[in-house]
Amino acid sequence: MSENKNETALVENNFLEILWQYFSLHASQRIQMLNFYIVLETFLLTAWLTLLQVDTGFSFPRIIIGLALILFSIVFYVLDVRTKSMIKLCEESLSRVEKNYIKQFGKKYMIFSLERENTAEERKKSKLKKWFLSYSKLLRVIYGFFALTGMLAVIMEFMGKR
């Protein structure tokens, strides 16, 4: 009987380790992706601004850069949505697992469940906090900023205004 308990504990520990690694991988990946995106878009924006200073009369490179700003914003937004869904799936699983340990360790150590509750409480306090306590909403602002900048770059080139 105790051998069965040990096997169950071993299997459960392996399962928890897999969940945690999955969560950690995708959470880290989301931040790394955002960092790369910001560097890439900043580089493109700097290149576009530099080309504005050098008036060659040839607007094709500036149009391409504007389109690249838009394209990368869309691609990275879609990647972020996918990564977020994988993280949320894992958070849900880890929250369910935490429920098995509330009696043993107490609710104060259930970080995924507590985080959800604390965020919900903070969001109730003010509409501003409701909006700003979301990575996804803030990231959409960043993606939107660079996409709109790209659109502005393309429109400016087609209108001939720089």
C-alpha atoms as a PDB file:
ATOM      1  CA  MET A   1       0.000   0.000   0.000  1.00  0.00           C
ATOM      2  CA  SER A   2       2.759   2.487   0.854  1.00  0.00           C
ATOM      3  CA  GLU A   3       4.501   1.568  -2.389  1.00  0.00           C
ATOM      4  CA  ASN A   4       1.372   2.668  -4.270  1.00  0.00           C
ATOM      5  CA  LYS A   5       1.382   5.989  -2.382  1.00  0.00           C
ATOM      6  CA  ASN A   6       5.034   6.547  -3.282  1.00  0.00           C
ATOM      7  CA  GLU A   7       4.327   5.801  -6.933  1.00  0.00           C
ATOM      8  CA  THR A   8       1.343   8.170  -6.883  1.00  0.00           C
ATOM      9  CA  ALA A   9       3.452  10.901  -5.252  1.00  0.00           C
ATOM     10  CA  LEU A  10       6.210  10.370  -7.818  1.00  0.00           C
ATOM     11  CA  VAL A  11       3.760  10.554 -10.697  1.00  0.00           C
ATOM     12  CA  GLU A  12       2.128  13.662  -9.201  1.00  0.00           C
ATOM     13  CA  ASN A  13       5.514  15.339  -8.691  1.00  0.00           C
ATOM     14  CA  ASN A  14       6.451  14.580 -12.294  1.00  0.00           C
ATOM     15  CA  PHE A  15       3.112  15.958 -13.450  1.00  0.00           C
ATOM     16  CA  LEU A  16       3.575  19.153 -11.421  1.00  0.00           C
ATOM     17  CA  GLU A  17       7.104  19.554 -12.769  1.00  0.00           C
ATOM     18  CA  ILE A  18       5.834  19.223 -16.342  1.00  0.00           C
ATOM     19  CA  LEU A  19       3.097  21.803 -15.709  1.00  0.00           C
ATOM     20  CA  TRP A  20       5.537  24.212 -14.123  1.00  0.00           C
ATOM     21  CA  GLN A  21       8.089  23.827 -16.929  1.00  0.00           C
ATOM     22  CA  TYR A  22       5.378  24.381 -19.520  1.00  0.00           C
ATOM     23  CA  PHE A  23       4.203  27.517 -17.733  1.00  0.00           C
ATOM     24  CA  SER A  24       7.741  28.815 -17.235  1.00  0.00           C
ATOM     25  CA  LEU A  25       8.712  28.184 -20.849  1.00  0.00           C
ATOM     26  CA  HIS A  26       5.780  30.059 -22.326  1.00  0.00           C
ATOM     27  CA  ALA A  27       5.849  32.907 -19.791  1.00  0.00           C
ATOM     28  CA  SER A  28       9.551  33.469 -20.535  1.00  0.00           C
ATOM     29  CA  GLN A  29       8.920  33.103 -24.240  1.00  0.00           C
ATOM     30  CA  ARG A  30       6.250  35.803 -24.119  1.00  0.00           C
ATOM     31  CA  ILE A  31       8.613  38.305 -22.534  1.00  0.00           C
ATOM     32  CA  GLN A  32      11.495  37.399 -24.860  1.00  0.00           C
ATOM     33  CA  MET A  33       9.197  37.751 -27.856  1.00  0.00           C
ATOM     34  CA  LEU A  34       8.079  41.187 -26.669  1.00  0.00           C
ATOM     35  CA  ASN A  35      11.676  42.298 -26.131  1.00  0.00           C
ATOM     36  CA  PHE A  36      12.662  41.150 -29.630  1.00  0.00           C
ATOM     37  CA  TYR A  37       9.598  42.822 -31.127  1.00  0.00           C
ATOM     38  CA  ILE A  38      10.341  46.165 -29.470  1.00  0.00           C
ATOM     39  CA  VAL A  39      13.986  46.076 -30.596  1.00  0.00           C
ATOM     40  CA  LEU A  40      12.978  45.129 -34.147  1.00  0.00           C
ATOM     41  CA  GLU A  41      10.277  47.783 -34.408  1.00  0.00           C
ATOM     42  CA  THR A  42      12.524  50.444 -32.884  1.00  0.00           C
ATOM     43  CA  PHE A  43      15.213  49.578 -35.433  1.00  0.00           C
ATOM     44  CA  LEU A  44      12.684  49.839 -38.290  1.00  0.00           C
ATOM     45  CA  LEU A  45      11.290  53.095 -36.961  1.00  0.00           C
ATOM     46  CA  THR A  46      14.803  54.533 -36.632  1.00  0.00           C
ATOM     47  CA  ALA A  47      15.603  53.440 -40.195  1.00  0.00           C
ATOM     48  CA  TRP A  48      12.424  55.094 -41.457  1.00  0.00           C
ATOM     49  CA  LEU A  49      13.187  58.331 -39.610  1.00  0.00           C
ATOM     50  CA  THR A  50      16.744  58.279 -40.962  1.00  0.00           C
ATOM     51  CA  LEU A  51      15.481  57.800 -44.519  1.00  0.00           C
ATOM     52  CA  LEU A  52      13.166  60.770 -44.021  1.00  0.00           C
ATOM     53  CA  GLN A  53      16.220  62.905 -43.343  1.00  0.00           C
ATOM     54  CA  VAL A  54      17.938  61.704 -46.529  1.00  0.00           C
ATOM     55  CA  ASP A  55      15.678  62.894 -49.314  1.00  0.00           C
ATOM     56  CA  THR A  56      16.584  60.747 -52.313  1.00  0.00           C
ATOM     57  CA  GLY A  57      13.231  61.178 -54.024  1.00  0.00           C
ATOM     58  CA  PHE A  58      12.937  57.398 -53.945  1.00  0.00           C
ATOM     59  CA  SER A  59      10.211  56.465 -51.443  1.00  0.00           C
ATOM     60  CA  PHE A  60      10.138  52.683 -51.990  1.00  0.00           C
ATOM     61  CA  PRO A  61      12.421  51.860 -48.986  1.00  0.00           C
ATOM     62  CA  ARG A  62      10.289  54.024 -46.690  1.00  0.00           C
ATOM     63  CA  ILE A  63       7.112  52.294 -47.904  1.00  0.00           C
ATOM     64  CA  ILE A  64       8.675  48.882 -47.319  1.00  0.00           C
ATOM     65  CA  ILE A  65       9.700  49.888 -43.795  1.00  0.00           C
ATOM     66  CA  GLY A  66       6.180  51.193 -43.084  1.00  0.00           C
ATOM     67  CA  LEU A  67       4.672  47.928 -44.325  1.00  0.00           C
ATOM     68  CA  ALA A  68       7.192  45.954 -42.252  1.00  0.00           C
ATOM     69  CA  LEU A  69       6.153  47.898 -39.137  1.00  0.00           C
ATOM     70  CA  ILE A  70       2.543  46.887 -39.796  1.00  0.00           C
ATOM     71  CA  LEU A  71       3.338  43.265 -40.720  1.00  0.00           C
ATOM     72  CA  PHE A  72       5.539  42.612 -37.686  1.00  0.00           C
ATOM     73  CA  SER A  73       2.927  44.185 -35.405  1.00  0.00           C
ATOM     74  CA  ILE A  74       0.296  41.792 -36.726  1.00  0.00           C
ATOM     75  CA  VAL A  75       2.582  38.737 -36.615  1.00  0.00           C
ATOM     76  CA  PHE A  76       3.814  39.397 -33.090  1.00  0.00           C
ATOM     77  CA  TYR A  77       0.290  40.201 -31.883  1.00  0.00           C
ATOM     78  CA  VAL A  78      -0.951  36.844 -33.178  1.00  0.00           C
ATOM     79  CA  LEU A  79       2.029  35.061 -31.607  1.00  0.00           C
ATOM     80  CA  ASP A  80       1.307  36.819 -28.317  1.00  0.00           C
ATOM     81  CA  VAL A  81      -2.351  35.783 -28.392  1.00  0.00           C
ATOM     82  CA  ARG A  82      -1.301  32.168 -28.941  1.00  0.00           C
ATOM     83  CA  THR A  83       1.341  32.259 -26.217  1.00  0.00           C
ATOM     84  CA  LYS A  84      -1.118  33.897 -23.819  1.00  0.00           C
ATOM     85  CA  SER A  85      -3.638  31.112 -24.414  1.00  0.00           C
ATOM     86  CA  MET A  86      -1.007  28.479 -23.615  1.00  0.00           C
ATOM     87  CA  ILE A  87      -0.049  30.323 -20.419  1.00  0.00           C
ATOM     88  CA  LYS A  88      -3.690  30.686 -19.354  1.00  0.00           C
ATOM     89  CA  LEU A  89      -4.300  26.987 -19.971  1.00  0.00           C
ATOM     90  CA  CYS A  90      -1.390  26.118 -17.705  1.00  0.00           C
ATOM     91  CA  GLU A  91      -2.465  28.634 -15.042  1.00  0.00           C
ATOM     92  CA  GLU A  92      -5.886  26.992 -14.975  1.00  0.00           C
ATOM     93  CA  SER A  93      -4.308  23.553 -14.549  1.00  0.00           C
ATOM     94  CA  LEU A  94      -1.997  24.757 -11.794  1.00  0.00           C
ATOM     95  CA  SER A  95      -4.929  26.444 -10.013  1.00  0.00           C
ATOM     96  CA  ARG A  96      -6.832  23.159 -10.059  1.00  0.00           C
ATOM     97  CA  VAL A  97      -3.811  21.332  -8.655  1.00  0.00           C
ATOM     98  CA  GLU A  98      -3.471  23.962  -5.923  1.00  0.00           C
ATOM     99  CA  LYS A  99      -6.946  23.094  -4.679  1.00  0.00           C
ATOM    100  CA  ASN A 100      -5.591  19.660  -3.719  1.00  0.00           C
ATOM    101  CA  TYR A 101      -3.052  21.286  -1.375  1.00  0.00           C
ATOM    102  CA  ILE A 102      -5.103  23.997   0.357  1.00  0.00           C
ATOM    103  CA  LYS A 103      -5.697  21.835   3.446  1.00  0.00           C
ATOM    104  CA  GLN A 104      -2.077  20.767   3.626  1.00  0.00           C
ATOM    105  CA  PHE A 105      -0.360  24.155   3.143  1.00  0.00           C
ATOM    106  CA  GLY A 106      -3.068  26.789   3.516  1.00  0.00           C
ATOM    107  CA  LYS A 107      -4.615  29.167   1.028  1.00  0.00           C
ATOM    108  CA  LYS A 108      -1.911  31.810   1.484  1.00  0.00           C
ATOM    109  CA  TYR A 109       0.577  29.675  -0.488  1.00  0.00           C
ATOM    110  CA  MET A 110      -1.668  29.072  -3.494  1.00  0.00           C
ATOM    111  CA  ILE A 111      -0.065  31.697  -5.737  1.00  0.00           C
ATOM    112  CA  PHE A 112      -2.091  31.130  -8.897  1.00  0.00           C
ATOM    113  CA  SER A 113      -5.420  31.212  -7.099  1.00  0.00           C
ATOM    114  CA  LEU A 114      -4.398  34.177  -4.942  1.00  0.00           C
ATOM    115  CA  GLU A 115      -3.127  36.134  -7.918  1.00  0.00           C
ATOM    116  CA  ARG A 116      -6.446  35.725  -9.699  1.00  0.00           C
ATOM    117  CA  GLU A 117      -8.383  36.802  -6.582  1.00  0.00           C
ATOM    118  CA  ASN A 118      -6.091  39.764  -5.843  1.00  0.00           C
ATOM    119  CA  THR A 119      -6.263  41.016  -9.420  1.00  0.00           C
ATOM    120  CA  ALA A 120     -10.059  40.748  -9.412  1.00  0.00           C
ATOM    121  CA  GLU A 121     -10.189  42.762  -6.161  1.00  0.00           C
ATOM    122  CA  GLU A 122      -7.843  45.445  -7.520  1.00  0.00           C
ATOM    123  CA  ARG A 123      -9.870  45.737 -10.719  1.00  0.00           C
ATOM    124  CA  LYS A 124     -13.037  46.347  -8.692  1.00  0.00           C
ATOM    125  CA  LYS A 125     -11.426  49.348  -7.004  1.00  0.00           C
ATOM    126  CA  SER A 126     -11.058  51.508 -10.106  1.00  0.00           C
ATOM    127  CA  LYS A 127     -11.728  51.480 -13.827  1.00  0.00           C
ATOM    128  CA  LEU A 128      -8.166  52.583 -14.484  1.00  0.00           C
ATOM    129  CA  LYS A 129      -6.777  49.602 -12.572  1.00  0.00           C
ATOM    130  CA  LYS A 130      -9.244  47.349 -14.362  1.00  0.00           C
ATOM    131  CA  TRP A 131      -7.666  48.331 -17.656  1.00  0.00           C
ATOM    132  CA  PHE A 132      -4.026  48.600 -16.605  1.00  0.00           C
ATOM    133  CA  LEU A 133      -3.881  45.316 -14.683  1.00  0.00           C
ATOM    134  CA  SER A 134      -3.723  43.386 -17.935  1.00  0.00           C
ATOM    135  CA  TYR A 135      -0.543  42.558 -19.823  1.00  0.00           C
ATOM    136  CA  SER A 136      -2.579  41.804 -22.924  1.00  0.00           C
ATOM    137  CA  LYS A 137      -4.234  45.204 -23.007  1.00  0.00           C
ATOM    138  CA  LEU A 138      -0.955  47.013 -22.495  1.00  0.00           C
ATOM    139  CA  LEU A 139       0.755  44.900 -25.149  1.00  0.00           C
ATOM    140  CA  ARG A 140      -2.039  45.718 -27.591  1.00  0.00           C
ATOM    141  CA  VAL A 141      -1.207  49.395 -27.057  1.00  0.00           C
ATOM    142  CA  ILE A 142       2.398  48.700 -28.046  1.00  0.00           C
ATOM    143  CA  TYR A 143       1.396  46.619 -31.092  1.00  0.00           C
ATOM    144  CA  GLY A 144      -1.127  49.268 -32.088  1.00  0.00           C
ATOM    145  CA  PHE A 145       1.386  52.090 -31.720  1.00  0.00           C
ATOM    146  CA  PHE A 146       3.888  50.508 -34.087  1.00  0.00           C
ATOM    147  CA  ALA A 147       1.174  49.393 -36.548  1.00  0.00           C
ATOM    148  CA  LEU A 148      -0.282  52.916 -36.650  1.00  0.00           C
ATOM    149  CA  THR A 149       3.204  54.355 -37.088  1.00  0.00           C
ATOM    150  CA  GLY A 150       3.698  52.024 -40.049  1.00  0.00           C
ATOM    151  CA  MET A 151       0.362  53.085 -41.527  1.00  0.00           C
ATOM    152  CA  LEU A 152       1.301  56.725 -41.094  1.00  0.00           C
ATOM    153  CA  ALA A 153       4.635  56.079 -42.836  1.00  0.00           C
ATOM    154  CA  VAL A 154       2.930  54.446 -45.821  1.00  0.00           C
ATOM    155  CA  ILE A 155       0.196  57.099 -46.052  1.00  0.00           C
ATOM    156  CA  MET A 156       2.765  59.890 -45.886  1.00  0.00           C
ATOM    157  CA  GLU A 157       4.705  58.364 -48.764  1.00  0.00           C
ATOM    158  CA  PHE A 158       1.634  57.940 -50.954  1.00  0.00           C
ATOM    159  CA  MET A 159       0.445  61.438 -50.196  1.00  0.00           C
ATOM    160  CA  GLY A 160       3.923  62.829 -50.842  1.00  0.00           C
ATOM    161  CA  LYS A 161       4.073  64.563 -47.459  1.00  0.00           C
ATOM    162  CA  ARG A 162       7.124  64.124 -45.313  1.00  0.00           C
END
